[in-house]
N, C-alpha and C. Protein backbone atom coordinates (compact mmCIF):
# COMPACT_ATOMS: atom_id res chain seq x y z
N MET A 1 17.87 -5.09 2.08
CA MET A 1 16.62 -5.50 2.67
C MET A 1 16.78 -5.68 4.16
N THR A 2 15.72 -5.34 4.84
CA THR A 2 15.72 -5.51 6.29
C THR A 2 14.98 -6.80 6.65
N LEU A 3 15.06 -7.17 7.91
CA LEU A 3 14.32 -8.32 8.40
C LEU A 3 12.82 -8.10 8.23
N GLY A 4 12.38 -6.87 8.46
CA GLY A 4 10.97 -6.53 8.28
C GLY A 4 10.53 -6.70 6.84
N ASP A 5 11.39 -6.29 5.88
CA ASP A 5 11.07 -6.47 4.47
C ASP A 5 10.92 -7.95 4.13
N LEU A 6 11.82 -8.75 4.65
CA LEU A 6 11.76 -10.19 4.38
C LEU A 6 10.52 -10.82 5.00
N ASN A 7 10.17 -10.39 6.19
CA ASN A 7 8.96 -10.90 6.84
C ASN A 7 7.72 -10.52 6.05
N LEU A 8 7.67 -9.28 5.57
CA LEU A 8 6.54 -8.85 4.75
C LEU A 8 6.44 -9.69 3.49
N ALA A 9 7.57 -9.91 2.82
CA ALA A 9 7.57 -10.72 1.60
C ALA A 9 7.09 -12.15 1.89
N LYS A 10 7.52 -12.69 3.02
CA LYS A 10 7.10 -14.05 3.40
C LYS A 10 5.59 -14.12 3.59
N ILE A 11 5.04 -13.16 4.30
CA ILE A 11 3.59 -13.15 4.55
C ILE A 11 2.82 -12.98 3.24
N CYS A 12 3.29 -12.09 2.38
CA CYS A 12 2.63 -11.89 1.08
C CYS A 12 2.69 -13.15 0.25
N ARG A 13 3.84 -13.82 0.25
CA ARG A 13 3.96 -15.07 -0.50
C ARG A 13 3.02 -16.14 0.04
N GLU A 14 2.85 -16.18 1.34
CA GLU A 14 1.93 -17.16 1.93
C GLU A 14 0.50 -16.90 1.44
N HIS A 15 0.12 -15.63 1.37
CA HIS A 15 -1.19 -15.29 0.84
C HIS A 15 -1.30 -15.73 -0.62
N ILE A 16 -0.26 -15.46 -1.38
CA ILE A 16 -0.26 -15.78 -2.81
C ILE A 16 -0.29 -17.29 -3.03
N GLN A 17 0.41 -18.04 -2.18
CA GLN A 17 0.43 -19.49 -2.32
C GLN A 17 -0.93 -20.13 -2.02
N ALA A 18 -1.83 -19.36 -1.45
CA ALA A 18 -3.18 -19.87 -1.19
C ALA A 18 -3.95 -20.05 -2.50
N GLY A 19 -3.40 -19.52 -3.58
CA GLY A 19 -4.02 -19.71 -4.88
C GLY A 19 -4.55 -18.41 -5.47
N GLU A 20 -4.69 -18.45 -6.78
CA GLU A 20 -5.11 -17.25 -7.51
C GLU A 20 -6.47 -16.74 -7.05
N GLN A 21 -7.40 -17.64 -6.82
CA GLN A 21 -8.74 -17.21 -6.39
C GLN A 21 -8.69 -16.53 -5.03
N ALA A 22 -7.91 -17.09 -4.12
CA ALA A 22 -7.78 -16.49 -2.79
C ALA A 22 -7.16 -15.10 -2.88
N VAL A 23 -6.14 -14.96 -3.73
CA VAL A 23 -5.50 -13.66 -3.92
C VAL A 23 -6.49 -12.67 -4.52
N ASN A 24 -7.19 -13.09 -5.55
CA ASN A 24 -8.16 -12.20 -6.18
C ASN A 24 -9.27 -11.80 -5.21
N ASP A 25 -9.72 -12.74 -4.40
CA ASP A 25 -10.75 -12.42 -3.40
C ASP A 25 -10.23 -11.40 -2.39
N TYR A 26 -9.01 -11.62 -1.92
CA TYR A 26 -8.41 -10.71 -0.94
C TYR A 26 -8.26 -9.31 -1.53
N LEU A 27 -7.67 -9.23 -2.73
CA LEU A 27 -7.43 -7.93 -3.34
C LEU A 27 -8.75 -7.22 -3.69
N THR A 28 -9.70 -7.98 -4.19
CA THR A 28 -11.00 -7.39 -4.53
C THR A 28 -11.66 -6.84 -3.27
N ASN A 29 -11.59 -7.61 -2.20
CA ASN A 29 -12.18 -7.17 -0.94
C ASN A 29 -11.49 -5.89 -0.44
N GLN A 30 -10.18 -5.88 -0.46
CA GLN A 30 -9.43 -4.73 0.04
C GLN A 30 -9.50 -3.53 -0.91
N LEU A 31 -9.35 -3.80 -2.20
CA LEU A 31 -9.30 -2.70 -3.17
C LEU A 31 -10.68 -2.18 -3.53
N GLY A 32 -11.71 -2.89 -3.12
CA GLY A 32 -13.05 -2.37 -3.34
C GLY A 32 -13.23 -1.03 -2.65
N LEU A 33 -12.39 -0.78 -1.67
CA LEU A 33 -12.41 0.51 -0.99
C LEU A 33 -11.81 1.61 -1.85
N PHE A 34 -11.11 1.23 -2.89
CA PHE A 34 -10.39 2.17 -3.73
C PHE A 34 -10.79 1.98 -5.19
N ASN A 35 -12.00 2.37 -5.53
CA ASN A 35 -12.48 2.06 -6.86
C ASN A 35 -12.53 3.24 -7.82
N THR A 36 -12.32 4.47 -7.36
CA THR A 36 -12.29 5.60 -8.29
C THR A 36 -10.85 5.84 -8.73
N LYS A 37 -10.69 6.59 -9.79
CA LYS A 37 -9.34 6.91 -10.28
C LYS A 37 -8.54 7.64 -9.19
N GLU A 38 -9.19 8.57 -8.51
CA GLU A 38 -8.51 9.31 -7.45
C GLU A 38 -8.07 8.35 -6.34
N GLN A 39 -8.93 7.43 -5.98
CA GLN A 39 -8.60 6.49 -4.92
C GLN A 39 -7.49 5.53 -5.35
N GLN A 40 -7.42 5.21 -6.63
CA GLN A 40 -6.33 4.38 -7.12
C GLN A 40 -5.00 5.13 -7.02
N GLU A 41 -5.04 6.44 -7.22
CA GLU A 41 -3.84 7.26 -7.02
C GLU A 41 -3.43 7.23 -5.55
N TRP A 42 -4.42 7.19 -4.66
CA TRP A 42 -4.11 7.09 -3.23
C TRP A 42 -3.35 5.81 -2.95
N MET A 43 -3.79 4.70 -3.57
CA MET A 43 -3.12 3.41 -3.35
C MET A 43 -1.70 3.44 -3.88
N GLN A 44 -1.51 4.05 -5.04
CA GLN A 44 -0.16 4.16 -5.58
C GLN A 44 0.72 4.97 -4.63
N THR A 45 0.16 6.04 -4.10
CA THR A 45 0.89 6.86 -3.14
C THR A 45 1.21 6.07 -1.88
N LEU A 46 0.22 5.32 -1.40
CA LEU A 46 0.42 4.51 -0.20
C LEU A 46 1.53 3.48 -0.41
N ALA A 47 1.50 2.79 -1.53
CA ALA A 47 2.53 1.78 -1.81
C ALA A 47 3.91 2.42 -1.89
N THR A 48 3.99 3.53 -2.57
CA THR A 48 5.28 4.23 -2.68
C THR A 48 5.77 4.67 -1.31
N PHE A 49 4.88 5.25 -0.53
CA PHE A 49 5.22 5.76 0.80
C PHE A 49 5.68 4.64 1.73
N LEU A 50 4.93 3.55 1.74
CA LEU A 50 5.25 2.45 2.67
C LEU A 50 6.39 1.57 2.20
N LEU A 51 6.41 1.23 0.91
CA LEU A 51 7.35 0.22 0.43
C LEU A 51 8.64 0.78 -0.16
N ASP A 52 8.56 1.95 -0.76
CA ASP A 52 9.72 2.44 -1.51
C ASP A 52 10.54 3.51 -0.80
N THR A 53 9.92 4.24 0.11
CA THR A 53 10.59 5.43 0.63
C THR A 53 10.71 5.45 2.15
N ASP A 54 10.49 4.32 2.78
CA ASP A 54 10.62 4.23 4.24
C ASP A 54 9.81 5.30 4.95
N GLN A 55 8.61 5.56 4.41
CA GLN A 55 7.66 6.51 4.97
C GLN A 55 8.22 7.94 5.02
N GLN A 56 9.03 8.27 4.04
CA GLN A 56 9.58 9.61 3.94
C GLN A 56 8.75 10.41 2.94
N LEU A 57 8.09 11.44 3.42
CA LEU A 57 7.19 12.23 2.61
C LEU A 57 7.88 12.85 1.39
N SER A 58 9.04 13.46 1.60
CA SER A 58 9.72 14.13 0.49
C SER A 58 10.19 13.12 -0.56
N ALA A 59 10.67 11.97 -0.11
CA ALA A 59 11.11 10.95 -1.07
C ALA A 59 9.92 10.40 -1.85
N ALA A 60 8.79 10.20 -1.17
CA ALA A 60 7.59 9.72 -1.87
C ALA A 60 7.14 10.72 -2.91
N SER A 61 7.17 12.00 -2.58
CA SER A 61 6.74 13.01 -3.55
C SER A 61 7.67 13.04 -4.76
N LYS A 62 8.96 12.86 -4.54
CA LYS A 62 9.91 12.82 -5.66
C LYS A 62 9.66 11.60 -6.54
N ASN A 63 9.45 10.45 -5.91
CA ASN A 63 9.20 9.22 -6.68
C ASN A 63 7.92 9.30 -7.50
N LEU A 64 6.92 9.99 -6.96
CA LEU A 64 5.62 10.09 -7.64
C LEU A 64 5.53 11.31 -8.55
N PHE A 65 6.54 12.18 -8.51
CA PHE A 65 6.55 13.42 -9.30
C PHE A 65 5.36 14.31 -8.96
N VAL A 66 5.09 14.42 -7.66
CA VAL A 66 4.02 15.30 -7.17
C VAL A 66 4.57 16.14 -6.02
N HIS A 67 3.84 17.19 -5.68
CA HIS A 67 4.21 18.06 -4.57
C HIS A 67 4.03 17.30 -3.25
N PRO A 68 4.89 17.57 -2.26
CA PRO A 68 4.73 16.90 -0.96
C PRO A 68 3.35 17.08 -0.35
N ASN A 69 2.72 18.23 -0.59
CA ASN A 69 1.37 18.42 -0.05
C ASN A 69 0.36 17.46 -0.69
N THR A 70 0.62 17.06 -1.92
CA THR A 70 -0.25 16.08 -2.58
C THR A 70 -0.15 14.74 -1.87
N VAL A 71 1.06 14.35 -1.53
CA VAL A 71 1.26 13.10 -0.79
C VAL A 71 0.57 13.19 0.57
N LYS A 72 0.76 14.31 1.27
CA LYS A 72 0.10 14.51 2.57
C LYS A 72 -1.42 14.39 2.44
N TYR A 73 -1.97 15.03 1.42
CA TYR A 73 -3.42 15.00 1.20
C TYR A 73 -3.91 13.57 0.97
N ARG A 74 -3.23 12.85 0.09
CA ARG A 74 -3.65 11.49 -0.22
C ARG A 74 -3.55 10.59 1.00
N LEU A 75 -2.47 10.71 1.76
CA LEU A 75 -2.32 9.90 2.96
C LEU A 75 -3.36 10.26 4.01
N SER A 76 -3.72 11.54 4.08
CA SER A 76 -4.75 11.93 5.05
C SER A 76 -6.10 11.35 4.66
N LYS A 77 -6.38 11.28 3.37
CA LYS A 77 -7.64 10.67 2.91
C LYS A 77 -7.68 9.18 3.26
N ILE A 78 -6.55 8.50 3.07
CA ILE A 78 -6.48 7.08 3.43
C ILE A 78 -6.64 6.92 4.95
N SER A 79 -6.00 7.80 5.70
CA SER A 79 -6.12 7.76 7.16
C SER A 79 -7.57 7.94 7.59
N GLU A 80 -8.28 8.88 6.95
CA GLU A 80 -9.69 9.08 7.26
C GLU A 80 -10.50 7.82 6.98
N ARG A 81 -10.19 7.19 5.85
CA ARG A 81 -10.94 6.00 5.46
C ARG A 81 -10.76 4.86 6.46
N PHE A 82 -9.53 4.70 6.96
CA PHE A 82 -9.25 3.57 7.85
C PHE A 82 -9.33 3.93 9.33
N GLY A 83 -9.28 5.21 9.65
CA GLY A 83 -9.44 5.62 11.04
C GLY A 83 -8.18 5.58 11.87
N PHE A 84 -7.02 5.56 11.24
CA PHE A 84 -5.75 5.63 11.97
C PHE A 84 -4.71 6.30 11.08
N PRO A 85 -3.68 6.90 11.70
CA PRO A 85 -2.64 7.56 10.90
C PRO A 85 -1.81 6.51 10.15
N ILE A 86 -1.53 6.79 8.91
CA ILE A 86 -0.69 5.89 8.11
C ILE A 86 0.71 5.90 8.70
N GLY A 87 1.22 4.72 8.92
CA GLY A 87 2.54 4.57 9.52
C GLY A 87 2.46 4.12 10.97
N LYS A 88 1.31 4.31 11.61
CA LYS A 88 1.14 3.88 13.00
C LYS A 88 1.03 2.36 13.03
N MET A 89 1.87 1.77 13.82
CA MET A 89 1.86 0.32 13.92
C MET A 89 1.18 -0.08 15.21
N PRO A 90 0.49 -1.16 15.27
CA PRO A 90 0.39 -2.22 14.27
C PRO A 90 -0.72 -2.00 13.25
N GLU A 91 -1.46 -0.91 13.36
CA GLU A 91 -2.61 -0.70 12.49
C GLU A 91 -2.24 -0.71 11.01
N THR A 92 -1.11 -0.16 10.67
CA THR A 92 -0.71 -0.04 9.26
C THR A 92 -0.22 -1.36 8.68
N TRP A 93 0.01 -2.36 9.51
CA TRP A 93 0.56 -3.63 9.02
C TRP A 93 -0.26 -4.22 7.88
N ASP A 94 -1.58 -4.24 8.00
CA ASP A 94 -2.40 -4.81 6.94
C ASP A 94 -2.25 -4.04 5.63
N LEU A 95 -2.00 -2.74 5.72
CA LEU A 95 -1.78 -1.95 4.49
C LEU A 95 -0.43 -2.30 3.87
N PHE A 96 0.57 -2.59 4.69
CA PHE A 96 1.86 -3.07 4.17
C PHE A 96 1.64 -4.37 3.39
N VAL A 97 0.87 -5.28 3.98
CA VAL A 97 0.60 -6.57 3.32
C VAL A 97 -0.14 -6.34 2.01
N LEU A 98 -1.16 -5.51 2.03
CA LEU A 98 -1.91 -5.21 0.81
C LEU A 98 -0.99 -4.66 -0.28
N CYS A 99 -0.20 -3.67 0.05
CA CYS A 99 0.71 -3.08 -0.94
C CYS A 99 1.74 -4.09 -1.43
N GLY A 100 2.25 -4.91 -0.51
CA GLY A 100 3.21 -5.94 -0.90
C GLY A 100 2.62 -6.96 -1.85
N MET A 101 1.40 -7.37 -1.56
CA MET A 101 0.73 -8.34 -2.45
C MET A 101 0.48 -7.72 -3.82
N LEU A 102 0.07 -6.48 -3.85
CA LEU A 102 -0.16 -5.81 -5.14
C LEU A 102 1.11 -5.81 -5.97
N ARG A 103 2.22 -5.52 -5.31
CA ARG A 103 3.50 -5.50 -6.02
C ARG A 103 3.88 -6.89 -6.51
N LEU A 104 3.70 -7.89 -5.66
CA LEU A 104 4.13 -9.23 -6.03
C LEU A 104 3.29 -9.83 -7.15
N VAL A 105 2.03 -9.51 -7.19
CA VAL A 105 1.19 -10.06 -8.26
C VAL A 105 1.06 -9.08 -9.42
N LYS A 106 1.77 -7.95 -9.28
CA LYS A 106 1.87 -6.93 -10.36
C LYS A 106 0.50 -6.47 -10.83
N LYS A 107 -0.36 -6.11 -9.89
CA LYS A 107 -1.68 -5.58 -10.22
C LYS A 107 -1.55 -4.07 -10.46
N ALA A 108 -2.09 -3.61 -11.55
CA ALA A 108 -2.14 -2.19 -11.89
C ALA A 108 -0.75 -1.57 -11.80
N ASN A 109 -0.68 -0.35 -11.30
CA ASN A 109 0.59 0.37 -11.21
C ASN A 109 1.04 0.57 -9.78
N TYR A 110 0.62 -0.32 -8.89
CA TYR A 110 0.94 -0.15 -7.50
C TYR A 110 2.36 -0.58 -7.24
């Protein structure tokens, strides 16, 4: 783990310690943007890309068992939705937090 990983975990835990209702409100607010099955696949791709593979496209595609172009496509759709390239900091920070919280509270398959 890196210092950045530990900082992300700390911030996610702080959100979670605010209580179940606060977590549910946050996730509902954020995930409301991703309500179709296809969009949920985008979130899974985003979480894998950001949290598991150090933003490596080929590693993310291997972890997800999809073609690298599929990962590119999904990330481009997310980029369009938010208006910035995925991975660009500090803009992507909130997406790191969202993905981290999803993992910590074990929501869906993120």
